[in-house]
């Protein structure tokens, strides 16, 4: 393989990654959310959503209603949480929300940051769930939870890039 073919392969790979990044950023701008697509990692929202479902988020709603399913992040925690709005309070400036998983016995107060009793709709919400695809997110779960699967996939990708003739 000569240098021109290697450069062509590298540029093709760079094109794939930059296209994926631009698609992600475009979705982020349209949905007004830094994470417009998330994967359900636990069973706390069963039967509405199962572990491995992919959720599509929208964060352009002015106010959330009781019963809406929202995704939120807590300061100091990296994993977003998908739960239903149980109670809401609002005035002209802000809306406060209390959430609970459908499959949980109690509300999410113990999940919030210390001395936090409600979620701030503007500061804590990633978005409201507007759609989903069942079970497709299991690939993400497998890659993040199974080290052998992760390295196997990386190895296969590396081998395929070495042996491809394009």
C-alpha atoms as a PDB file:
ATOM      1  CA  UNK A   1       0.000   0.000   0.000  1.00  0.00           C
ATOM      2  CA  UNK A   2       1.551   3.294  -1.052  1.00  0.00           C
ATOM      3  CA  UNK A   3       1.426   6.579   0.840  1.00  0.00           C
ATOM      4  CA  UNK A   4      -1.409   7.964  -1.309  1.00  0.00           C
ATOM      5  CA  UNK A   5      -3.679   5.021  -0.416  1.00  0.00           C
ATOM      6  CA  UNK A   6      -2.825   5.399   3.275  1.00  0.00           C
ATOM      7  CA  UNK A   7      -3.652   9.102   3.198  1.00  0.00           C
ATOM      8  CA  UNK A   8      -6.920   8.334   1.383  1.00  0.00           C
ATOM      9  CA  UNK A   9      -7.863   5.763   4.033  1.00  0.00           C
ATOM     10  CA  UNK A  10      -7.007   8.196   6.830  1.00  0.00           C
ATOM     11  CA  UNK A  11      -9.056  10.969   5.230  1.00  0.00           C
ATOM     12  CA  UNK A  12     -12.006   8.609   4.748  1.00  0.00           C
ATOM     13  CA  UNK A  13     -11.874   7.662   8.424  1.00  0.00           C
ATOM     14  CA  UNK A  14     -11.568  11.329   9.430  1.00  0.00           C
ATOM     15  CA  UNK A  15     -14.578  12.105   7.221  1.00  0.00           C
ATOM     16  CA  UNK A  16     -16.673   9.428   8.958  1.00  0.00           C
ATOM     17  CA  UNK A  17     -15.787  10.729  12.432  1.00  0.00           C
ATOM     18  CA  UNK A  18     -16.288  14.391  11.522  1.00  0.00           C
ATOM     19  CA  UNK A  19     -19.650  13.593   9.891  1.00  0.00           C
ATOM     20  CA  UNK A  20     -20.805  11.751  13.013  1.00  0.00           C
ATOM     21  CA  UNK A  21     -19.659  14.670  15.177  1.00  0.00           C
ATOM     22  CA  UNK A  22     -21.461  17.215  12.987  1.00  0.00           C
ATOM     23  CA  UNK A  23     -24.643  15.126  13.039  1.00  0.00           C
ATOM     24  CA  UNK A  24     -24.457  14.973  16.861  1.00  0.00           C
ATOM     25  CA  UNK A  25     -23.894  18.733  17.145  1.00  0.00           C
ATOM     26  CA  UNK A  26     -26.730  19.459  14.701  1.00  0.00           C
ATOM     27  CA  UNK A  27     -29.094  17.302  16.764  1.00  0.00           C
ATOM     28  CA  UNK A  28     -27.866  19.089  19.905  1.00  0.00           C
ATOM     29  CA  UNK A  29     -28.675  22.504  18.459  1.00  0.00           C
ATOM     30  CA  UNK A  30     -32.082  21.423  17.117  1.00  0.00           C
ATOM     31  CA  UNK A  31     -33.109  19.749  20.403  1.00  0.00           C
ATOM     32  CA  UNK A  32     -31.440  22.447  22.557  1.00  0.00           C
ATOM     33  CA  UNK A  33     -29.767  19.697  24.588  1.00  0.00           C
ATOM     34  CA  UNK A  34     -26.108  18.769  25.040  1.00  0.00           C
ATOM     35  CA  UNK A  35     -27.201  15.123  24.882  1.00  0.00           C
ATOM     36  CA  UNK A  36     -30.184  14.716  22.523  1.00  0.00           C
ATOM     37  CA  UNK A  37     -29.999  10.897  22.543  1.00  0.00           C
ATOM     38  CA  UNK A  38     -29.527   8.749  25.674  1.00  0.00           C
ATOM     39  CA  UNK A  39     -29.630   5.039  26.491  1.00  0.00           C
ATOM     40  CA  UNK A  40     -31.678   3.678  29.419  1.00  0.00           C
ATOM     41  CA  UNK A  41     -29.200   1.974  31.770  1.00  0.00           C
ATOM     42  CA  UNK A  42     -31.479   0.690  34.536  1.00  0.00           C
ATOM     43  CA  UNK A  43     -34.938  -0.748  35.058  1.00  0.00           C
ATOM     44  CA  UNK A  44     -36.260   2.154  37.131  1.00  0.00           C
ATOM     45  CA  UNK A  45     -38.691   3.243  34.389  1.00  0.00           C
ATOM     46  CA  UNK A  46     -40.178  -0.174  33.598  1.00  0.00           C
ATOM     47  CA  UNK A  47     -42.681  -0.870  32.107  1.00  0.00           C
ATOM     48  CA  UNK A  48     -42.508   2.423  30.139  1.00  0.00           C
ATOM     49  CA  UNK A  49     -38.859   1.973  29.117  1.00  0.00           C
ATOM     50  CA  UNK A  50     -36.636  -1.074  29.359  1.00  0.00           C
ATOM     51  CA  UNK A  51     -32.902  -1.223  29.884  1.00  0.00           C
ATOM     52  CA  UNK A  52     -31.249  -0.700  26.489  1.00  0.00           C
ATOM     53  CA  UNK A  53     -33.914   1.554  24.966  1.00  0.00           C
ATOM     54  CA  UNK A  54     -32.652   4.632  23.116  1.00  0.00           C
ATOM     55  CA  UNK A  55     -34.490   7.853  24.049  1.00  0.00           C
ATOM     56  CA  UNK A  56     -34.767  10.980  21.906  1.00  0.00           C
ATOM     57  CA  UNK A  57     -34.866  14.214  23.903  1.00  0.00           C
ATOM     58  CA  UNK A  58     -36.278  17.676  23.296  1.00  0.00           C
ATOM     59  CA  UNK A  59     -35.398  20.630  25.519  1.00  0.00           C
ATOM     60  CA  UNK A  60     -37.351  23.485  23.975  1.00  0.00           C
ATOM     61  CA  UNK A  61     -40.447  23.112  26.156  1.00  0.00           C
ATOM     62  CA  UNK A  62     -41.059  26.136  28.365  1.00  0.00           C
ATOM     63  CA  UNK A  63     -42.561  24.137  31.233  1.00  0.00           C
ATOM     64  CA  UNK A  64     -42.831  20.480  32.169  1.00  0.00           C
ATOM     65  CA  UNK A  65     -46.121  18.910  33.188  1.00  0.00           C
ATOM     66  CA  UNK A  66     -46.806  16.278  35.818  1.00  0.00           C
ATOM     67  CA  UNK A  67     -46.461  12.951  34.020  1.00  0.00           C
ATOM     68  CA  UNK A  68     -43.785  14.085  31.542  1.00  0.00           C
ATOM     69  CA  UNK A  69     -40.750  11.817  31.349  1.00  0.00           C
ATOM     70  CA  UNK A  70     -37.580  13.869  31.714  1.00  0.00           C
ATOM     71  CA  UNK A  71     -33.846  13.234  31.716  1.00  0.00           C
ATOM     72  CA  UNK A  72     -31.833  15.154  34.291  1.00  0.00           C
ATOM     73  CA  UNK A  73     -28.294  15.400  35.607  1.00  0.00           C
ATOM     74  CA  UNK A  74     -27.191  16.073  39.161  1.00  0.00           C
ATOM     75  CA  UNK A  75     -24.042  18.057  39.970  1.00  0.00           C
ATOM     76  CA  UNK A  76     -21.165  15.683  40.636  1.00  0.00           C
ATOM     77  CA  UNK A  77     -22.798  12.708  38.900  1.00  0.00           C
ATOM     78  CA  UNK A  78     -21.949  11.836  35.319  1.00  0.00           C
ATOM     79  CA  UNK A  79     -24.833   9.536  34.403  1.00  0.00           C
ATOM     80  CA  UNK A  80     -28.146  11.169  33.412  1.00  0.00           C
ATOM     81  CA  UNK A  81     -31.319   9.845  35.061  1.00  0.00           C
ATOM     82  CA  UNK A  82     -34.609   9.154  33.238  1.00  0.00           C
ATOM     83  CA  UNK A  83     -37.690   9.565  35.466  1.00  0.00           C
ATOM     84  CA  UNK A  84     -41.250  10.892  35.426  1.00  0.00           C
ATOM     85  CA  UNK A  85     -42.315  14.289  36.840  1.00  0.00           C
ATOM     86  CA  UNK A  86     -44.281  13.603  40.017  1.00  0.00           C
ATOM     87  CA  UNK A  87     -44.844  17.171  41.219  1.00  0.00           C
ATOM     88  CA  UNK A  88     -44.085  20.663  39.899  1.00  0.00           C
ATOM     89  CA  UNK A  89     -44.047  24.208  41.260  1.00  0.00           C
ATOM     90  CA  UNK A  90     -43.469  27.293  39.158  1.00  0.00           C
ATOM     91  CA  UNK A  91     -43.500  31.068  39.098  1.00  0.00           C
ATOM     92  CA  UNK A  92     -42.445  33.628  36.439  1.00  0.00           C
ATOM     93  CA  UNK A  93     -38.707  32.904  36.806  1.00  0.00           C
ATOM     94  CA  UNK A  94     -38.335  29.161  37.331  1.00  0.00           C
ATOM     95  CA  UNK A  95     -39.996  25.783  37.552  1.00  0.00           C
ATOM     96  CA  UNK A  96     -39.129  23.232  40.231  1.00  0.00           C
ATOM     97  CA  UNK A  97     -39.734  19.521  39.658  1.00  0.00           C
ATOM     98  CA  UNK A  98     -39.882  16.406  41.830  1.00  0.00           C
ATOM     99  CA  UNK A  99     -39.352  13.159  39.922  1.00  0.00           C
ATOM    100  CA  UNK A 100     -39.766   9.425  40.491  1.00  0.00           C
ATOM    101  CA  UNK A 101     -38.999   6.284  38.531  1.00  0.00           C
ATOM    102  CA  UNK A 102     -42.117   4.292  37.569  1.00  0.00           C
ATOM    103  CA  UNK A 103     -40.582   1.136  39.036  1.00  0.00           C
ATOM    104  CA  UNK A 104     -39.333   2.836  42.236  1.00  0.00           C
ATOM    105  CA  UNK A 105     -41.192   2.881  45.548  1.00  0.00           C
ATOM    106  CA  UNK A 106     -40.200   6.442  46.540  1.00  0.00           C
ATOM    107  CA  UNK A 107     -39.441   9.754  44.839  1.00  0.00           C
ATOM    108  CA  UNK A 108     -35.945  10.834  43.744  1.00  0.00           C
ATOM    109  CA  UNK A 109     -35.152  13.090  46.692  1.00  0.00           C
ATOM    110  CA  UNK A 110     -32.312  10.794  47.772  1.00  0.00           C
ATOM    111  CA  UNK A 111     -30.764  11.012  44.286  1.00  0.00           C
ATOM    112  CA  UNK A 112     -30.591  14.808  44.241  1.00  0.00           C
ATOM    113  CA  UNK A 113     -27.579  16.792  45.453  1.00  0.00           C
ATOM    114  CA  UNK A 114     -27.232  17.521  49.168  1.00  0.00           C
ATOM    115  CA  UNK A 115     -29.868  19.961  50.443  1.00  0.00           C
ATOM    116  CA  UNK A 116     -31.621  19.899  47.049  1.00  0.00           C
ATOM    117  CA  UNK A 117     -35.335  19.170  47.310  1.00  0.00           C
ATOM    118  CA  UNK A 118     -36.376  19.838  43.710  1.00  0.00           C
ATOM    119  CA  UNK A 119     -34.846  19.918  40.255  1.00  0.00           C
ATOM    120  CA  UNK A 120     -34.498  23.286  38.575  1.00  0.00           C
ATOM    121  CA  UNK A 121     -36.024  22.905  35.111  1.00  0.00           C
ATOM    122  CA  UNK A 122     -33.518  25.265  33.463  1.00  0.00           C
ATOM    123  CA  UNK A 123     -30.355  24.087  35.239  1.00  0.00           C
ATOM    124  CA  UNK A 124     -30.820  20.346  35.797  1.00  0.00           C
ATOM    125  CA  UNK A 125     -32.887  19.055  32.863  1.00  0.00           C
ATOM    126  CA  UNK A 126     -31.208  17.545  29.800  1.00  0.00           C
ATOM    127  CA  UNK A 127     -34.532  17.192  28.017  1.00  0.00           C
ATOM    128  CA  UNK A 128     -38.002  15.690  27.794  1.00  0.00           C
ATOM    129  CA  UNK A 129     -38.435  12.280  26.178  1.00  0.00           C
ATOM    130  CA  UNK A 130     -40.236  12.642  22.834  1.00  0.00           C
ATOM    131  CA  UNK A 131     -39.568   9.217  21.302  1.00  0.00           C
ATOM    132  CA  UNK A 132     -37.665   5.967  21.704  1.00  0.00           C
ATOM    133  CA  UNK A 133     -36.300   2.897  19.939  1.00  0.00           C
ATOM    134  CA  UNK A 134     -36.472  -0.303  21.984  1.00  0.00           C
ATOM    135  CA  UNK A 135     -33.373  -2.376  22.816  1.00  0.00           C
ATOM    136  CA  UNK A 136     -30.991  -0.794  20.266  1.00  0.00           C
ATOM    137  CA  UNK A 137     -28.932   0.762  23.062  1.00  0.00           C
ATOM    138  CA  UNK A 138     -27.771  -2.650  24.281  1.00  0.00           C
ATOM    139  CA  UNK A 139     -24.691  -2.266  22.067  1.00  0.00           C
ATOM    140  CA  UNK A 140     -23.674   0.762  24.147  1.00  0.00           C
ATOM    141  CA  UNK A 141     -24.320  -1.129  27.381  1.00  0.00           C
ATOM    142  CA  UNK A 142     -22.280  -4.113  26.172  1.00  0.00           C
ATOM    143  CA  UNK A 143     -19.352  -1.893  25.209  1.00  0.00           C
ATOM    144  CA  UNK A 144     -19.359   0.012  28.503  1.00  0.00           C
ATOM    145  CA  UNK A 145     -19.944  -2.947  30.841  1.00  0.00           C
ATOM    146  CA  UNK A 146     -18.116  -5.831  29.129  1.00  0.00           C
ATOM    147  CA  UNK A 147     -14.359  -5.322  28.749  1.00  0.00           C
ATOM    148  CA  UNK A 148     -13.925  -8.361  26.476  1.00  0.00           C
ATOM    149  CA  UNK A 149     -16.637  -7.177  24.104  1.00  0.00           C
ATOM    150  CA  UNK A 150     -15.130  -3.668  24.011  1.00  0.00           C
ATOM    151  CA  UNK A 151     -11.625  -4.868  23.143  1.00  0.00           C
ATOM    152  CA  UNK A 152     -12.994  -7.473  20.729  1.00  0.00           C
ATOM    153  CA  UNK A 153     -14.876  -4.767  18.822  1.00  0.00           C
ATOM    154  CA  UNK A 154     -11.806  -2.502  18.776  1.00  0.00           C
ATOM    155  CA  UNK A 155      -9.685  -5.407  17.531  1.00  0.00           C
ATOM    156  CA  UNK A 156     -12.153  -6.227  14.749  1.00  0.00           C
ATOM    157  CA  UNK A 157     -12.275  -2.581  13.685  1.00  0.00           C
ATOM    158  CA  UNK A 158      -8.483  -2.420  13.640  1.00  0.00           C
ATOM    159  CA  UNK A 159      -8.194  -5.634  11.624  1.00  0.00           C
ATOM    160  CA  UNK A 160     -10.824  -4.525   9.141  1.00  0.00           C
ATOM    161  CA  UNK A 161      -9.022  -1.229   8.567  1.00  0.00           C
ATOM    162  CA  UNK A 162      -5.714  -3.053   8.046  1.00  0.00           C
ATOM    163  CA  UNK A 163      -7.071  -5.570   5.566  1.00  0.00           C
ATOM    164  CA  UNK A 164      -9.483  -3.398   3.605  1.00  0.00           C
ATOM    165  CA  UNK A 165      -8.391  -2.616   0.056  1.00  0.00           C
ATOM    166  CA  UNK A 166     -10.357   0.573  -0.406  1.00  0.00           C
END
